[in-house]
């Protein structure tokens, strides 16, 4: 499992910004904070580091998103391991 802290910078355009926020809040992989200016912080939980990178790539390509910065990553290498 990968847990990431992400800072997302949204578009200057208020309508694109609003739509991007709505999409982010619907994404079950994300917990999204309050919008501060053009910036919103989020935490992401994914099954693996590869899934985490795929999510970040998806966010970077999303309409209304200008940039995505990963500010924290924690990996749980033991999740799903047999005992």
PDB file of N, CA and C in Angstrom:
ATOM      1  N   UNK A   1       0.845  -1.170   0.000  1.00  0.00           N
ATOM      2  CA  UNK A   1       0.000   0.000   0.000  1.00  0.00           C
ATOM      3  C   UNK A   1       0.894   1.237   0.000  1.00  0.00           C
ATOM      4  N   UNK A   2       0.477   2.250  -0.719  1.00  0.00           N
ATOM      5  CA  UNK A   2       1.179   3.532  -0.760  1.00  0.00           C
ATOM      6  C   UNK A   2       0.235   4.629  -0.270  1.00  0.00           C
ATOM      7  N   UNK A   3       0.747   5.472   0.600  1.00  0.00           N
ATOM      8  CA  UNK A   3      -0.011   6.620   1.095  1.00  0.00           C
ATOM      9  C   UNK A   3       0.805   7.857   0.744  1.00  0.00           C
ATOM     10  N   UNK A   4       0.172   8.802   0.057  1.00  0.00           N
ATOM     11  CA  UNK A   4       0.889   9.993  -0.410  1.00  0.00           C
ATOM     12  C   UNK A   4       0.170  11.263   0.000  1.00  0.00           C
ATOM     13  N   UNK A   5       0.961  12.277   0.309  1.00  0.00           N
ATOM     14  CA  UNK A   5       0.452  13.626   0.477  1.00  0.00           C
ATOM     15  C   UNK A   5       0.723  14.379  -0.811  1.00  0.00           C
ATOM     16  N   UNK A   6      -0.298  15.013  -1.350  1.00  0.00           N
ATOM     17  CA  UNK A   6      -0.207  15.635  -2.670  1.00  0.00           C
ATOM     18  C   UNK A   6      -0.700  17.080  -2.582  1.00  0.00           C
ATOM     19  N   UNK A   7       0.004  17.986  -3.256  1.00  0.00           N
ATOM     20  CA  UNK A   7      -0.452  19.367  -3.404  1.00  0.00           C
ATOM     21  C   UNK A   7      -0.831  19.572  -4.861  1.00  0.00           C
ATOM     22  N   UNK A   8      -2.077  19.945  -5.085  1.00  0.00           N
ATOM     23  CA  UNK A   8      -2.610  20.103  -6.436  1.00  0.00           C
ATOM     24  C   UNK A   8      -2.878  21.585  -6.680  1.00  0.00           C
ATOM     25  N   UNK A   9      -2.322  22.105  -7.772  1.00  0.00           N
ATOM     26  CA  UNK A   9      -2.573  23.485  -8.182  1.00  0.00           C
ATOM     27  C   UNK A   9      -3.563  23.453  -9.333  1.00  0.00           C
ATOM     28  N   UNK A  10      -4.654  24.182  -9.151  1.00  0.00           N
ATOM     29  CA  UNK A  10      -5.737  24.175 -10.131  1.00  0.00           C
ATOM     30  C   UNK A  10      -5.652  25.368 -11.079  1.00  0.00           C
ATOM     31  N   UNK A  11      -6.450  25.302 -12.110  1.00  0.00           N
ATOM     32  CA  UNK A  11      -6.522  26.320 -13.152  1.00  0.00           C
ATOM     33  C   UNK A  11      -6.912  27.689 -12.586  1.00  0.00           C
ATOM     34  N   UNK A  12      -6.512  28.744 -13.294  1.00  0.00           N
ATOM     35  CA  UNK A  12      -6.965  30.099 -12.966  1.00  0.00           C
ATOM     36  C   UNK A  12      -8.446  30.265 -13.285  1.00  0.00           C
ATOM     37  N   UNK A  13      -8.945  29.521 -14.260  1.00  0.00           N
ATOM     38  CA  UNK A  13     -10.342  29.617 -14.690  1.00  0.00           C
ATOM     39  C   UNK A  13     -11.255  29.024 -13.614  1.00  0.00           C
ATOM     40  N   UNK A  14     -12.165  29.831 -13.081  1.00  0.00           N
ATOM     41  CA  UNK A  14     -12.984  29.401 -11.945  1.00  0.00           C
ATOM     42  C   UNK A  14     -13.890  28.212 -12.273  1.00  0.00           C
ATOM     43  N   UNK A  15     -14.428  28.143 -13.481  1.00  0.00           N
ATOM     44  CA  UNK A  15     -15.303  27.020 -13.840  1.00  0.00           C
ATOM     45  C   UNK A  15     -14.500  25.720 -13.952  1.00  0.00           C
ATOM     46  N   UNK A  16     -13.358  25.763 -14.607  1.00  0.00           N
ATOM     47  CA  UNK A  16     -12.500  24.566 -14.709  1.00  0.00           C
ATOM     48  C   UNK A  16     -12.019  24.149 -13.319  1.00  0.00           C
ATOM     49  N   UNK A  17     -11.727  25.124 -12.475  1.00  0.00           N
ATOM     50  CA  UNK A  17     -11.307  24.861 -11.102  1.00  0.00           C
ATOM     51  C   UNK A  17     -12.423  24.157 -10.322  1.00  0.00           C
ATOM     52  N   UNK A  18     -13.641  24.654 -10.445  1.00  0.00           N
ATOM     53  CA  UNK A  18     -14.790  24.066  -9.749  1.00  0.00           C
ATOM     54  C   UNK A  18     -15.014  22.625 -10.192  1.00  0.00           C
ATOM     55  N   UNK A  19     -14.978  22.398 -11.506  1.00  0.00           N
ATOM     56  CA  UNK A  19     -15.187  21.047 -12.032  1.00  0.00           C
ATOM     57  C   UNK A  19     -14.074  20.098 -11.594  1.00  0.00           C
ATOM     58  N   UNK A  20     -12.840  20.581 -11.580  1.00  0.00           N
ATOM     59  CA  UNK A  20     -11.716  19.751 -11.135  1.00  0.00           C
ATOM     60  C   UNK A  20     -11.889  19.369  -9.663  1.00  0.00           C
ATOM     61  N   UNK A  21     -12.287  20.310  -8.833  1.00  0.00           N
ATOM     62  CA  UNK A  21     -12.517  20.017  -7.411  1.00  0.00           C
ATOM     63  C   UNK A  21     -13.599  18.961  -7.233  1.00  0.00           C
ATOM     64  N   UNK A  22     -14.667  19.074  -7.987  1.00  0.00           N
ATOM     65  CA  UNK A  22     -15.740  18.077  -7.909  1.00  0.00           C
ATOM     66  C   UNK A  22     -15.223  16.693  -8.268  1.00  0.00           C
ATOM     67  N   UNK A  23     -14.435  16.601  -9.344  1.00  0.00           N
ATOM     68  CA  UNK A  23     -13.872  15.299  -9.749  1.00  0.00           C
ATOM     69  C   UNK A  23     -12.940  14.747  -8.678  1.00  0.00           C
ATOM     70  N   UNK A  24     -12.095  15.603  -8.121  1.00  0.00           N
ATOM     71  CA  UNK A  24     -11.166  15.158  -7.085  1.00  0.00           C
ATOM     72  C   UNK A  24     -11.921  14.608  -5.878  1.00  0.00           C
ATOM     73  N   UNK A  25     -12.969  15.286  -5.462  1.00  0.00           N
ATOM     74  CA  UNK A  25     -13.729  14.862  -4.281  1.00  0.00           C
ATOM     75  C   UNK A  25     -14.497  13.557  -4.516  1.00  0.00           C
ATOM     76  N   UNK A  26     -14.803  13.238  -5.749  1.00  0.00           N
ATOM     77  CA  UNK A  26     -15.498  11.975  -6.068  1.00  0.00           C
ATOM     78  C   UNK A  26     -14.542  10.789  -6.165  1.00  0.00           C
ATOM     79  N   UNK A  27     -13.255  11.053  -6.289  1.00  0.00           N
ATOM     80  CA  UNK A  27     -12.273   9.978  -6.463  1.00  0.00           C
ATOM     81  C   UNK A  27     -12.071   9.259  -5.128  1.00  0.00           C
ATOM     82  N   UNK A  28     -12.425   7.983  -5.083  1.00  0.00           N
ATOM     83  CA  UNK A  28     -12.354   7.198  -3.850  1.00  0.00           C
ATOM     84  C   UNK A  28     -10.928   7.001  -3.339  1.00  0.00           C
ATOM     85  N   UNK A  29      -9.932   7.230  -4.166  1.00  0.00           N
ATOM     86  CA  UNK A  29      -8.532   7.077  -3.749  1.00  0.00           C
ATOM     87  C   UNK A  29      -8.014   8.293  -2.995  1.00  0.00           C
ATOM     88  N   UNK A  30      -8.788   9.384  -3.012  1.00  0.00           N
ATOM     89  CA  UNK A  30      -8.325  10.657  -2.451  1.00  0.00           C
ATOM     90  C   UNK A  30      -9.182  11.124  -1.284  1.00  0.00           C
ATOM     91  N   UNK A  31      -8.534  11.767  -0.331  1.00  0.00           N
ATOM     92  CA  UNK A  31      -9.206  12.581   0.678  1.00  0.00           C
ATOM     93  C   UNK A  31      -8.714  13.993   0.402  1.00  0.00           C
ATOM     94  N   UNK A  32      -9.647  14.883   0.075  1.00  0.00           N
ATOM     95  CA  UNK A  32      -9.294  16.215  -0.424  1.00  0.00           C
ATOM     96  C   UNK A  32      -9.615  17.272   0.628  1.00  0.00           C
ATOM     97  N   UNK A  33      -8.653  18.164   0.859  1.00  0.00           N
ATOM     98  CA  UNK A  33      -8.839  19.249   1.810  1.00  0.00           C
ATOM     99  C   UNK A  33      -9.567  20.433   1.186  1.00  0.00           C
ATOM    100  N   UNK A  34      -9.559  21.532   1.917  1.00  0.00           N
ATOM    101  CA  UNK A  34     -10.216  22.758   1.467  1.00  0.00           C
ATOM    102  C   UNK A  34      -9.388  23.440   0.380  1.00  0.00           C
ATOM    103  N   UNK A  35     -10.068  24.078  -0.535  1.00  0.00           N
ATOM    104  CA  UNK A  35      -9.422  24.857  -1.581  1.00  0.00           C
ATOM    105  C   UNK A  35      -8.905  26.159  -0.970  1.00  0.00           C
ATOM    106  N   UNK A  36      -7.602  26.425  -1.148  1.00  0.00           N
ATOM    107  CA  UNK A  36      -6.976  27.653  -0.666  1.00  0.00           C
ATOM    108  C   UNK A  36      -6.380  28.365  -1.867  1.00  0.00           C
ATOM    109  N   UNK A  37      -7.063  29.392  -2.341  1.00  0.00           N
ATOM    110  CA  UNK A  37      -6.639  30.039  -3.585  1.00  0.00           C
ATOM    111  C   UNK A  37      -6.803  29.049  -4.720  1.00  0.00           C
ATOM    112  N   UNK A  38      -5.699  28.720  -5.378  1.00  0.00           N
ATOM    113  CA  UNK A  38      -5.721  27.727  -6.464  1.00  0.00           C
ATOM    114  C   UNK A  38      -5.217  26.367  -5.998  1.00  0.00           C
ATOM    115  N   UNK A  39      -4.914  26.230  -4.712  1.00  0.00           N
ATOM    116  CA  UNK A  39      -4.259  25.022  -4.217  1.00  0.00           C
ATOM    117  C   UNK A  39      -5.197  24.197  -3.350  1.00  0.00           C
ATOM    118  N   UNK A  40      -5.061  22.886  -3.478  1.00  0.00           N
ATOM    119  CA  UNK A  40      -5.802  21.969  -2.625  1.00  0.00           C
ATOM    120  C   UNK A  40      -4.855  20.829  -2.245  1.00  0.00           C
ATOM    121  N   UNK A  41      -4.853  20.489  -0.963  1.00  0.00           N
ATOM    122  CA  UNK A  41      -4.047  19.364  -0.489  1.00  0.00           C
ATOM    123  C   UNK A  41      -4.918  18.117  -0.487  1.00  0.00           C
ATOM    124  N   UNK A  42      -4.279  16.983  -0.752  1.00  0.00           N
ATOM    125  CA  UNK A  42      -5.006  15.715  -0.750  1.00  0.00           C
ATOM    126  C   UNK A  42      -4.095  14.615  -0.231  1.00  0.00           C
ATOM    127  N   UNK A  43      -4.712  13.595   0.337  1.00  0.00           N
ATOM    128  CA  UNK A  43      -3.961  12.379   0.650  1.00  0.00           C
ATOM    129  C   UNK A  43      -4.519  11.281  -0.239  1.00  0.00           C
ATOM    130  N   UNK A  44      -3.624  10.432  -0.698  1.00  0.00           N
ATOM    131  CA  UNK A  44      -4.002   9.348  -1.609  1.00  0.00           C
ATOM    132  C   UNK A  44      -3.588   8.018  -0.993  1.00  0.00           C
ATOM    133  N   UNK A  45      -4.469   7.031  -1.117  1.00  0.00           N
ATOM    134  CA  UNK A  45      -4.156   5.675  -0.680  1.00  0.00           C
ATOM    135  C   UNK A  45      -4.370   4.759  -1.872  1.00  0.00           C
ATOM    136  N   UNK A  46      -3.308   4.061  -2.263  1.00  0.00           N
ATOM    137  CA  UNK A  46      -3.377   3.138  -3.395  1.00  0.00           C
ATOM    138  C   UNK A  46      -2.770   1.798  -2.988  1.00  0.00           C
ATOM    139  N   UNK A  47      -3.003   0.791  -3.802  1.00  0.00           N
ATOM    140  CA  UNK A  47      -2.563  -0.567  -3.483  1.00  0.00           C
ATOM    141  C   UNK A  47      -1.055  -0.757  -3.590  1.00  0.00           C
ATOM    142  N   UNK A  48      -0.393   0.050  -4.416  1.00  0.00           N
ATOM    143  CA  UNK A  48       1.038  -0.156  -4.646  1.00  0.00           C
ATOM    144  C   UNK A  48       1.692   1.152  -5.091  1.00  0.00           C
ATOM    145  N   UNK A  49       3.017   1.206  -5.037  1.00  0.00           N
ATOM    146  CA  UNK A  49       3.710   2.393  -5.557  1.00  0.00           C
ATOM    147  C   UNK A  49       3.408   2.642  -7.037  1.00  0.00           C
ATOM    148  N   UNK A  50       3.276   1.580  -7.828  1.00  0.00           N
ATOM    149  CA  UNK A  50       2.942   1.761  -9.247  1.00  0.00           C
ATOM    150  C   UNK A  50       1.563   2.386  -9.413  1.00  0.00           C
ATOM    151  N   UNK A  51       0.596   1.948  -8.597  1.00  0.00           N
ATOM    152  CA  UNK A  51      -0.741   2.546  -8.644  1.00  0.00           C
ATOM    153  C   UNK A  51      -0.696   4.007  -8.214  1.00  0.00           C
ATOM    154  N   UNK A  52       0.165   4.312  -7.259  1.00  0.00           N
ATOM    155  CA  UNK A  52       0.327   5.687  -6.796  1.00  0.00           C
ATOM    156  C   UNK A  52       0.848   6.579  -7.925  1.00  0.00           C
ATOM    157  N   UNK A  53       1.873   6.101  -8.626  1.00  0.00           N
ATOM    158  CA  UNK A  53       2.415   6.861  -9.762  1.00  0.00           C
ATOM    159  C   UNK A  53       1.381   7.028 -10.869  1.00  0.00           C
ATOM    160  N   UNK A  54       0.591   5.988 -11.114  1.00  0.00           N
ATOM    161  CA  UNK A  54      -0.459   6.074 -12.137  1.00  0.00           C
ATOM    162  C   UNK A  54      -1.497   7.123 -11.752  1.00  0.00           C
ATOM    163  N   UNK A  55      -1.860   7.180 -10.470  1.00  0.00           N
ATOM    164  CA  UNK A  55      -2.814   8.186 -10.003  1.00  0.00           C
ATOM    165  C   UNK A  55      -2.257   9.590 -10.213  1.00  0.00           C
ATOM    166  N   UNK A  56      -1.008   9.802  -9.852  1.00  0.00           N
ATOM    167  CA  UNK A  56      -0.398  11.126 -10.018  1.00  0.00           C
ATOM    168  C   UNK A  56      -0.355  11.510 -11.497  1.00  0.00           C
ATOM    169  N   UNK A  57       0.003  10.572 -12.360  1.00  0.00           N
ATOM    170  CA  UNK A  57      -0.002  10.853 -13.805  1.00  0.00           C
ATOM    171  C   UNK A  57      -1.401  11.211 -14.287  1.00  0.00           C
ATOM    172  N   UNK A  58      -2.398  10.482 -13.802  1.00  0.00           N
ATOM    173  CA  UNK A  58      -3.793  10.766 -14.166  1.00  0.00           C
ATOM    174  C   UNK A  58      -4.193  12.166 -13.708  1.00  0.00           C
ATOM    175  N   UNK A  59      -3.825  12.525 -12.486  1.00  0.00           N
ATOM    176  CA  UNK A  59      -4.147  13.856 -11.969  1.00  0.00           C
ATOM    177  C   UNK A  59      -3.467  14.948 -12.783  1.00  0.00           C
ATOM    178  N   UNK A  60      -2.227  14.726 -13.167  1.00  0.00           N
ATOM    179  CA  UNK A  60      -1.489  15.734 -13.945  1.00  0.00           C
ATOM    180  C   UNK A  60      -2.119  15.979 -15.309  1.00  0.00           C
ATOM    181  N   UNK A  61      -2.789  14.982 -15.865  1.00  0.00           N
ATOM    182  CA  UNK A  61      -3.435  15.123 -17.181  1.00  0.00           C
ATOM    183  C   UNK A  61      -4.876  15.638 -17.081  1.00  0.00           C
ATOM    184  N   UNK A  62      -5.408  15.724 -15.878  1.00  0.00           N
ATOM    185  CA  UNK A  62      -6.815  16.083 -15.697  1.00  0.00           C
ATOM    186  C   UNK A  62      -7.075  17.541 -16.069  1.00  0.00           C
ATOM    187  N   UNK A  63      -8.205  17.764 -16.705  1.00  0.00           N
ATOM    188  CA  UNK A  63      -8.622  19.117 -17.053  1.00  0.00           C
ATOM    189  C   UNK A  63      -8.818  19.935 -15.779  1.00  0.00           C
ATOM    190  N   UNK A  64      -8.319  21.141 -15.775  1.00  0.00           N
ATOM    191  CA  UNK A  64      -8.458  22.020 -14.627  1.00  0.00           C
ATOM    192  C   UNK A  64      -7.329  21.910 -13.619  1.00  0.00           C
ATOM    193  N   UNK A  65      -6.414  20.957 -13.833  1.00  0.00           N
ATOM    194  CA  UNK A  65      -5.261  20.785 -12.945  1.00  0.00           C
ATOM    195  C   UNK A  65      -4.024  21.329 -13.657  1.00  0.00           C
ATOM    196  N   UNK A  66      -3.361  22.309 -13.031  1.00  0.00           N
ATOM    197  CA  UNK A  66      -2.140  22.883 -13.612  1.00  0.00           C
ATOM    198  C   UNK A  66      -0.892  22.118 -13.196  1.00  0.00           C
ATOM    199  N   UNK A  67      -0.836  21.660 -11.943  1.00  0.00           N
ATOM    200  CA  UNK A  67       0.332  20.891 -11.506  1.00  0.00           C
ATOM    201  C   UNK A  67      -0.017  20.026 -10.304  1.00  0.00           C
ATOM    202  N   UNK A  68       0.795  18.984 -10.121  1.00  0.00           N
ATOM    203  CA  UNK A  68       0.645  18.065  -8.991  1.00  0.00           C
ATOM    204  C   UNK A  68       2.029  17.844  -8.399  1.00  0.00           C
ATOM    205  N   UNK A  69       2.147  18.072  -7.103  1.00  0.00           N
ATOM    206  CA  UNK A  69       3.413  17.846  -6.411  1.00  0.00           C
ATOM    207  C   UNK A  69       3.201  16.803  -5.319  1.00  0.00           C
ATOM    208  N   UNK A  70       4.075  15.808  -5.293  1.00  0.00           N
ATOM    209  CA  UNK A  70       4.045  14.812  -4.232  1.00  0.00           C
ATOM    210  C   UNK A  70       4.927  15.347  -3.110  1.00  0.00           C
ATOM    211  N   UNK A  71       4.350  15.514  -1.918  1.00  0.00           N
ATOM    212  CA  UNK A  71       5.116  16.081  -0.812  1.00  0.00           C
ATOM    213  C   UNK A  71       5.450  15.046   0.260  1.00  0.00           C
ATOM    214  N   UNK A  72       4.825  13.868   0.193  1.00  0.00           N
ATOM    215  CA  UNK A  72       5.062  12.834   1.191  1.00  0.00           C
ATOM    216  C   UNK A  72       4.639  11.491   0.624  1.00  0.00           C
ATOM    217  N   UNK A  73       5.438  10.453   0.896  1.00  0.00           N
ATOM    218  CA  UNK A  73       5.068   9.090   0.506  1.00  0.00           C
ATOM    219  C   UNK A  73       5.433   8.144   1.644  1.00  0.00           C
ATOM    220  N   UNK A  74       4.499   7.279   1.999  1.00  0.00           N
ATOM    221  CA  UNK A  74       4.764   6.205   2.960  1.00  0.00           C
ATOM    222  C   UNK A  74       4.355   4.900   2.303  1.00  0.00           C
ATOM    223  N   UNK A  75       5.221   3.906   2.403  1.00  0.00           N
ATOM    224  CA  UNK A  75       4.940   2.599   1.817  1.00  0.00           C
ATOM    225  C   UNK A  75       4.770   1.579   2.926  1.00  0.00           C
ATOM    226  N   UNK A  76       3.696   0.804   2.844  1.00  0.00           N
ATOM    227  CA  UNK A  76       3.464  -0.300   3.765  1.00  0.00           C
ATOM    228  C   UNK A  76       3.803  -1.569   3.009  1.00  0.00           C
ATOM    229  N   UNK A  77       5.045  -1.999   3.147  1.00  0.00           N
ATOM    230  CA  UNK A  77       5.520  -3.157   2.388  1.00  0.00           C
ATOM    231  C   UNK A  77       4.939  -4.465   2.895  1.00  0.00           C
ATOM    232  N   UNK A  78       4.336  -4.449   4.079  1.00  0.00           N
ATOM    233  CA  UNK A  78       3.828  -5.682   4.669  1.00  0.00           C
ATOM    234  C   UNK A  78       2.338  -5.879   4.455  1.00  0.00           C
ATOM    235  N   UNK A  79       1.640  -4.896   3.908  1.00  0.00           N
ATOM    236  CA  UNK A  79       0.201  -5.069   3.708  1.00  0.00           C
ATOM    237  C   UNK A  79      -0.036  -6.169   2.694  1.00  0.00           C
ATOM    238  N   UNK A  80      -0.951  -7.032   3.007  1.00  0.00           N
ATOM    239  CA  UNK A  80      -1.277  -8.127   2.106  1.00  0.00           C
ATOM    240  C   UNK A  80      -0.332  -9.304   2.211  1.00  0.00           C
ATOM    241  N   UNK A  81       0.666  -9.224   3.077  1.00  0.00           N
ATOM    242  CA  UNK A  81       1.613 -10.329   3.225  1.00  0.00           C
ATOM    243  C   UNK A  81       0.978 -11.451   4.032  1.00  0.00           C
ATOM    244  N   UNK A  82       1.289 -12.658   3.651  1.00  0.00           N
ATOM    245  CA  UNK A  82       0.764 -13.808   4.375  1.00  0.00           C
ATOM    246  C   UNK A  82       1.535 -13.981   5.663  1.00  0.00           C
ATOM    247  N   UNK A  83       0.828 -14.413   6.723  1.00  0.00           N
ATOM    248  CA  UNK A  83       1.508 -14.637   8.001  1.00  0.00           C
ATOM    249  C   UNK A  83       1.689 -16.108   8.272  1.00  0.00           C
TER     250      UNK A  83
END
